[in-house]
Amino acid sequence: MRRTSGIRSTCTWRKSSYSDDEGAECVEVAEATSAVHIRDSKDPEGPHLTVPRGGWTRFLRYATQR
């Protein structure tokens, strides 16, 4: 994983369905061709993480098994 900055204006961000509008921890993701970008929705101009699509897929598979 690496921190990047500069991509946020070209991505379409989606907020997690588990997030609410009351200031709780909120995660947004934006899918690109070869990567997925992840950021804190409370700080959209702040840094975000970029992970390869395969890594994101494995993470989701692991997370949904719990």
PDB file of N, CA and C in Angstrom:
ATOM      1  N   MET A   1       0.843  -1.173   0.000  1.00  0.00           N
ATOM      2  CA  MET A   1       0.000   0.000   0.000  1.00  0.00           C
ATOM      3  C   MET A   1       0.888   1.236   0.000  1.00  0.00           C
ATOM      4  N   ARG A   2       0.371   2.289  -0.621  1.00  0.00           N
ATOM      5  CA  ARG A   2       1.115   3.532  -0.615  1.00  0.00           C
ATOM      6  C   ARG A   2       0.151   4.689  -0.485  1.00  0.00           C
ATOM      7  N   ARG A   3       0.631   5.764   0.071  1.00  0.00           N
ATOM      8  CA  ARG A   3      -0.182   6.971   0.174  1.00  0.00           C
ATOM      9  C   ARG A   3       0.039   7.790  -1.072  1.00  0.00           C
ATOM     10  N   THR A   4      -1.050   8.276  -1.631  1.00  0.00           N
ATOM     11  CA  THR A   4      -0.946   9.123  -2.813  1.00  0.00           C
ATOM     12  C   THR A   4      -1.803  10.356  -2.636  1.00  0.00           C
ATOM     13  N   SER A   5      -1.646  11.318  -3.495  1.00  0.00           N
ATOM     14  CA  SER A   5      -2.489  12.513  -3.424  1.00  0.00           C
ATOM     15  C   SER A   5      -2.783  13.005  -4.818  1.00  0.00           C
ATOM     16  N   GLY A   6      -3.353  13.605  -5.440  1.00  0.00           N
ATOM     17  CA  GLY A   6      -3.551  14.083  -6.779  1.00  0.00           C
ATOM     18  C   GLY A   6      -4.602  13.365  -7.596  1.00  0.00           C
ATOM     19  N   ILE A   7      -5.070  12.236  -7.185  1.00  0.00           N
ATOM     20  CA  ILE A   7      -6.041  11.481  -7.984  1.00  0.00           C
ATOM     21  C   ILE A   7      -7.478  11.818  -7.595  1.00  0.00           C
ATOM     22  N   ARG A   8      -7.674  12.438  -6.460  1.00  0.00           N
ATOM     23  CA  ARG A   8      -9.019  12.595  -5.896  1.00  0.00           C
ATOM     24  C   ARG A   8      -9.996  13.329  -6.799  1.00  0.00           C
ATOM     25  N   SER A   9      -9.543  14.227  -7.655  1.00  0.00           N
ATOM     26  CA  SER A   9     -10.495  14.962  -8.494  1.00  0.00           C
ATOM     27  C   SER A   9     -10.918  14.168  -9.729  1.00  0.00           C
ATOM     28  N   THR A  10     -10.185  13.125 -10.094  1.00  0.00           N
ATOM     29  CA  THR A  10     -10.529  12.354 -11.283  1.00  0.00           C
ATOM     30  C   THR A  10     -11.291  11.078 -10.958  1.00  0.00           C
ATOM     31  N   CYS A  11     -11.520  10.801  -9.696  1.00  0.00           N
ATOM     32  CA  CYS A  11     -12.188   9.571  -9.279  1.00  0.00           C
ATOM     33  C   CYS A  11     -13.644   9.832  -8.900  1.00  0.00           C
ATOM     34  N   THR A  12     -14.448   8.788  -9.034  1.00  0.00           N
ATOM     35  CA  THR A  12     -15.813   8.809  -8.517  1.00  0.00           C
ATOM     36  C   THR A  12     -15.796   8.033  -7.213  1.00  0.00           C
ATOM     37  N   TRP A  13     -16.007   8.736  -6.117  1.00  0.00           N
ATOM     38  CA  TRP A  13     -15.929   8.129  -4.787  1.00  0.00           C
ATOM     39  C   TRP A  13     -17.301   7.641  -4.349  1.00  0.00           C
ATOM     40  N   ARG A  14     -17.312   6.447  -3.724  1.00  0.00           N
ATOM     41  CA  ARG A  14     -18.543   5.878  -3.161  1.00  0.00           C
ATOM     42  C   ARG A  14     -18.358   5.711  -1.664  1.00  0.00           C
ATOM     43  N   LYS A  15     -19.348   6.145  -0.907  1.00  0.00           N
ATOM     44  CA  LYS A  15     -19.302   6.026   0.548  1.00  0.00           C
ATOM     45  C   LYS A  15     -19.787   4.648   0.970  1.00  0.00           C
ATOM     46  N   SER A  16     -19.178   4.100   1.991  1.00  0.00           N
ATOM     47  CA  SER A  16     -19.588   2.804   2.514  1.00  0.00           C
ATOM     48  C   SER A  16     -21.048   2.828   2.942  1.00  0.00           C
ATOM     49  N   SER A  17     -21.762   1.755   2.655  1.00  0.00           N
ATOM     50  CA  SER A  17     -23.168   1.663   3.076  1.00  0.00           C
ATOM     51  C   SER A  17     -23.277   1.560   4.598  1.00  0.00           C
ATOM     52  N   TYR A  18     -22.187   1.277   5.282  1.00  0.00           N
ATOM     53  CA  TYR A  18     -22.189   1.203   6.740  1.00  0.00           C
ATOM     54  C   TYR A  18     -21.926   2.562   7.383  1.00  0.00           C
ATOM     55  N   SER A  19     -21.579   3.561   6.596  1.00  0.00           N
ATOM     56  CA  SER A  19     -21.310   4.901   7.112  1.00  0.00           C
ATOM     57  C   SER A  19     -22.622   5.645   7.322  1.00  0.00           C
ATOM     58  N   ASP A  20     -22.602   6.569   8.285  1.00  0.00           N
ATOM     59  CA  ASP A  20     -23.784   7.389   8.517  1.00  0.00           C
ATOM     60  C   ASP A  20     -23.407   8.864   8.377  1.00  0.00           C
ATOM     61  N   ASP A  21     -24.366   9.745   8.532  1.00  0.00           N
ATOM     62  CA  ASP A  21     -24.116  11.178   8.399  1.00  0.00           C
ATOM     63  C   ASP A  21     -23.902  11.859   9.747  1.00  0.00           C
ATOM     64  N   GLU A  22     -23.664  11.093  10.790  1.00  0.00           N
ATOM     65  CA  GLU A  22     -23.530  11.663  12.129  1.00  0.00           C
ATOM     66  C   GLU A  22     -22.084  11.776  12.582  1.00  0.00           C
ATOM     67  N   GLY A  23     -21.133  11.722  11.664  1.00  0.00           N
ATOM     68  CA  GLY A  23     -19.745  11.948  12.018  1.00  0.00           C
ATOM     69  C   GLY A  23     -18.969  10.720  12.451  1.00  0.00           C
ATOM     70  N   ALA A  24     -19.550   9.564  12.319  1.00  0.00           N
ATOM     71  CA  ALA A  24     -18.814   8.348  12.672  1.00  0.00           C
ATOM     72  C   ALA A  24     -17.720   8.089  11.641  1.00  0.00           C
ATOM     73  N   GLU A  25     -16.913   7.069  11.869  1.00  0.00           N
ATOM     74  CA  GLU A  25     -15.872   6.737  10.919  1.00  0.00           C
ATOM     75  C   GLU A  25     -16.504   6.363   9.592  1.00  0.00           C
ATOM     76  N   CYS A  26     -16.105   7.051   8.537  1.00  0.00           N
ATOM     77  CA  CYS A  26     -16.676   6.832   7.214  1.00  0.00           C
ATOM     78  C   CYS A  26     -15.562   6.538   6.221  1.00  0.00           C
ATOM     79  N   VAL A  27     -15.801   5.576   5.396  1.00  0.00           N
ATOM     80  CA  VAL A  27     -14.824   5.186   4.387  1.00  0.00           C
ATOM     81  C   VAL A  27     -15.449   5.365   3.014  1.00  0.00           C
ATOM     82  N   GLU A  28     -14.655   5.883   2.081  1.00  0.00           N
ATOM     83  CA  GLU A  28     -15.075   5.987   0.695  1.00  0.00           C
ATOM     84  C   GLU A  28     -14.045   5.273  -0.171  1.00  0.00           C
ATOM     85  N   VAL A  29     -14.504   4.682  -1.261  1.00  0.00           N
ATOM     86  CA  VAL A  29     -13.594   4.026  -2.196  1.00  0.00           C
ATOM     87  C   VAL A  29     -13.860   4.537  -3.606  1.00  0.00           C
ATOM     88  N   ALA A  30     -12.819   4.510  -4.411  1.00  0.00           N
ATOM     89  CA  ALA A  30     -12.924   4.853  -5.825  1.00  0.00           C
ATOM     90  C   ALA A  30     -12.160   3.785  -6.589  1.00  0.00           C
ATOM     91  N   GLU A  31     -12.827   3.172  -7.543  1.00  0.00           N
ATOM     92  CA  GLU A  31     -12.194   2.101  -8.309  1.00  0.00           C
ATOM     93  C   GLU A  31     -11.589   2.662  -9.588  1.00  0.00           C
ATOM     94  N   ALA A  32     -10.359   2.260  -9.871  1.00  0.00           N
ATOM     95  CA  ALA A  32      -9.673   2.606 -11.111  1.00  0.00           C
ATOM     96  C   ALA A  32      -9.374   1.298 -11.842  1.00  0.00           C
ATOM     97  N   THR A  33      -8.790   1.390 -12.992  1.00  0.00           N
ATOM     98  CA  THR A  33      -8.523   0.201 -13.797  1.00  0.00           C
ATOM     99  C   THR A  33      -7.677  -0.826 -13.065  1.00  0.00           C
ATOM    100  N   SER A  34      -6.592  -0.399 -12.453  1.00  0.00           N
ATOM    101  CA  SER A  34      -5.685  -1.363 -11.830  1.00  0.00           C
ATOM    102  C   SER A  34      -5.565  -1.203 -10.325  1.00  0.00           C
ATOM    103  N   ALA A  35      -6.348  -0.287  -9.721  1.00  0.00           N
ATOM    104  CA  ALA A  35      -6.202  -0.035  -8.287  1.00  0.00           C
ATOM    105  C   ALA A  35      -7.530   0.420  -7.689  1.00  0.00           C
ATOM    106  N   VAL A  36      -7.553   0.415  -6.370  1.00  0.00           N
ATOM    107  CA  VAL A  36      -8.691   0.944  -5.616  1.00  0.00           C
ATOM    108  C   VAL A  36      -8.130   1.976  -4.646  1.00  0.00           C
ATOM    109  N   HIS A  37      -8.771   3.132  -4.589  1.00  0.00           N
ATOM    110  CA  HIS A  37      -8.350   4.208  -3.703  1.00  0.00           C
ATOM    111  C   HIS A  37      -9.313   4.244  -2.520  1.00  0.00           C
ATOM    112  N   ILE A  38      -8.785   4.460  -1.323  1.00  0.00           N
ATOM    113  CA  ILE A  38      -9.570   4.429  -0.093  1.00  0.00           C
ATOM    114  C   ILE A  38      -9.262   5.704   0.686  1.00  0.00           C
ATOM    115  N   ARG A  39     -10.310   6.385   1.162  1.00  0.00           N
ATOM    116  CA  ARG A  39     -10.081   7.614   1.933  1.00  0.00           C
ATOM    117  C   ARG A  39     -11.110   7.763   3.039  1.00  0.00           C
ATOM    118  N   ASP A  40     -10.820   8.665   3.960  1.00  0.00           N
ATOM    119  CA  ASP A  40     -11.727   9.043   5.037  1.00  0.00           C
ATOM    120  C   ASP A  40     -12.670  10.104   4.482  1.00  0.00           C
ATOM    121  N   SER A  41     -13.968   9.854   4.495  1.00  0.00           N
ATOM    122  CA  SER A  41     -14.913  10.802   3.898  1.00  0.00           C
ATOM    123  C   SER A  41     -14.976  12.125   4.655  1.00  0.00           C
ATOM    124  N   LYS A  42     -14.535  12.152   5.905  1.00  0.00           N
ATOM    125  CA  LYS A  42     -14.523  13.396   6.661  1.00  0.00           C
ATOM    126  C   LYS A  42     -13.359  14.292   6.254  1.00  0.00           C
ATOM    127  N   ASP A  43     -12.388  13.748   5.519  1.00  0.00           N
ATOM    128  CA  ASP A  43     -11.207  14.503   5.096  1.00  0.00           C
ATOM    129  C   ASP A  43     -10.931  14.236   3.621  1.00  0.00           C
ATOM    130  N   PRO A  44     -11.847  14.626   2.729  1.00  0.00           N
ATOM    131  CA  PRO A  44     -11.703  14.286   1.311  1.00  0.00           C
ATOM    132  C   PRO A  44     -10.471  14.899   0.652  1.00  0.00           C
ATOM    133  N   GLU A  45      -9.928  15.970   1.201  1.00  0.00           N
ATOM    134  CA  GLU A  45      -8.721  16.573   0.633  1.00  0.00           C
ATOM    135  C   GLU A  45      -7.453  16.008   1.259  1.00  0.00           C
ATOM    136  N   GLY A  46      -7.615  15.155   2.252  1.00  0.00           N
ATOM    137  CA  GLY A  46      -6.464  14.551   2.915  1.00  0.00           C
ATOM    138  C   GLY A  46      -5.903  13.390   2.109  1.00  0.00           C
ATOM    139  N   PRO A  47      -4.927  12.700   2.652  1.00  0.00           N
ATOM    140  CA  PRO A  47      -4.307  11.576   1.947  1.00  0.00           C
ATOM    141  C   PRO A  47      -5.264  10.404   1.803  1.00  0.00           C
ATOM    142  N   HIS A  48      -4.962   9.537   0.881  1.00  0.00           N
ATOM    143  CA  HIS A  48      -5.730   8.304   0.728  1.00  0.00           C
ATOM    144  C   HIS A  48      -4.775   7.169   0.408  1.00  0.00           C
ATOM    145  N   LEU A  49      -5.255   5.963   0.568  1.00  0.00           N
ATOM    146  CA  LEU A  49      -4.457   4.779   0.271  1.00  0.00           C
ATOM    147  C   LEU A  49      -4.825   4.256  -1.104  1.00  0.00           C
ATOM    148  N   THR A  50      -3.854   3.709  -1.797  1.00  0.00           N
ATOM    149  CA  THR A  50      -4.086   3.059  -3.081  1.00  0.00           C
ATOM    150  C   THR A  50      -3.590   1.627  -2.971  1.00  0.00           C
ATOM    151  N   VAL A  51      -4.450   0.675  -3.304  1.00  0.00           N
ATOM    152  CA  VAL A  51      -4.071  -0.740  -3.267  1.00  0.00           C
ATOM    153  C   VAL A  51      -4.381  -1.367  -4.618  1.00  0.00           C
ATOM    154  N   PRO A  52      -3.607  -2.369  -5.026  1.00  0.00           N
ATOM    155  CA  PRO A  52      -3.919  -3.067  -6.276  1.00  0.00           C
ATOM    156  C   PRO A  52      -5.298  -3.717  -6.185  1.00  0.00           C
ATOM    157  N   ARG A  53      -5.982  -3.827  -7.319  1.00  0.00           N
ATOM    158  CA  ARG A  53      -7.334  -4.417  -7.324  1.00  0.00           C
ATOM    159  C   ARG A  53      -7.336  -5.822  -6.734  1.00  0.00           C
ATOM    160  N   GLY A  54      -6.324  -6.610  -7.033  1.00  0.00           N
ATOM    161  CA  GLY A  54      -6.259  -7.962  -6.487  1.00  0.00           C
ATOM    162  C   GLY A  54      -6.181  -7.969  -4.969  1.00  0.00           C
ATOM    163  N   GLY A  55      -5.417  -7.051  -4.409  1.00  0.00           N
ATOM    164  CA  GLY A  55      -5.317  -6.939  -2.951  1.00  0.00           C
ATOM    165  C   GLY A  55      -6.637  -6.528  -2.333  1.00  0.00           C
ATOM    166  N   TRP A  56      -7.349  -5.614  -2.974  1.00  0.00           N
ATOM    167  CA  TRP A  56      -8.659  -5.177  -2.487  1.00  0.00           C
ATOM    168  C   TRP A  56      -9.654  -6.330  -2.530  1.00  0.00           C
ATOM    169  N   THR A  57      -9.633  -7.093  -3.618  1.00  0.00           N
ATOM    170  CA  THR A  57     -10.526  -8.248  -3.745  1.00  0.00           C
ATOM    171  C   THR A  57     -10.256  -9.260  -2.641  1.00  0.00           C
ATOM    172  N   ARG A  58      -8.983  -9.538  -2.375  1.00  0.00           N
ATOM    173  CA  ARG A  58      -8.644 -10.482  -1.295  1.00  0.00           C
ATOM    174  C   ARG A  58      -9.080  -9.940   0.059  1.00  0.00           C
ATOM    175  N   PHE A  59      -8.901  -8.638   0.290  1.00  0.00           N
ATOM    176  CA  PHE A  59      -9.327  -8.031   1.543  1.00  0.00           C
ATOM    177  C   PHE A  59     -10.844  -8.183   1.731  1.00  0.00           C
ATOM    178  N   LEU A  60     -11.613  -7.864   0.695  1.00  0.00           N
ATOM    179  CA  LEU A  60     -13.072  -7.990   0.795  1.00  0.00           C
ATOM    180  C   LEU A  60     -13.500  -9.434   1.035  1.00  0.00           C
ATOM    181  N   ARG A  61     -12.865 -10.364   0.350  1.00  0.00           N
ATOM    182  CA  ARG A  61     -13.180 -11.779   0.558  1.00  0.00           C
ATOM    183  C   ARG A  61     -12.924 -12.164   2.016  1.00  0.00           C
ATOM    184  N   TYR A  62     -11.786 -11.743   2.549  1.00  0.00           N
ATOM    185  CA  TYR A  62     -11.437 -12.036   3.949  1.00  0.00           C
ATOM    186  C   TYR A  62     -12.436 -11.378   4.903  1.00  0.00           C
ATOM    187  N   ALA A  63     -12.735 -10.091   4.668  1.00  0.00           N
ATOM    188  CA  ALA A  63     -13.600  -9.328   5.572  1.00  0.00           C
ATOM    189  C   ALA A  63     -15.021  -9.876   5.603  1.00  0.00           C
ATOM    190  N   THR A  64     -15.506 -10.396   4.487  1.00  0.00           N
ATOM    191  CA  THR A  64     -16.888 -10.897   4.461  1.00  0.00           C
ATOM    192  C   THR A  64     -16.998 -12.308   5.015  1.00  0.00           C
ATOM    193  N   GLN A  65     -15.900 -12.954   5.284  1.00  0.00           N
ATOM    194  CA  GLN A  65     -15.929 -14.294   5.894  1.00  0.00           C
ATOM    195  C   GLN A  65     -16.107 -14.212   7.399  1.00  0.00           C
ATOM    196  N   ARG A  66     -15.948 -13.071   7.965  1.00  0.00           N
ATOM    197  CA  ARG A  66     -16.002 -12.902   9.432  1.00  0.00           C
ATOM    198  C   ARG A  66     -17.405 -12.776   9.923  1.00  0.00           C
TER     199      ARG A  66
END
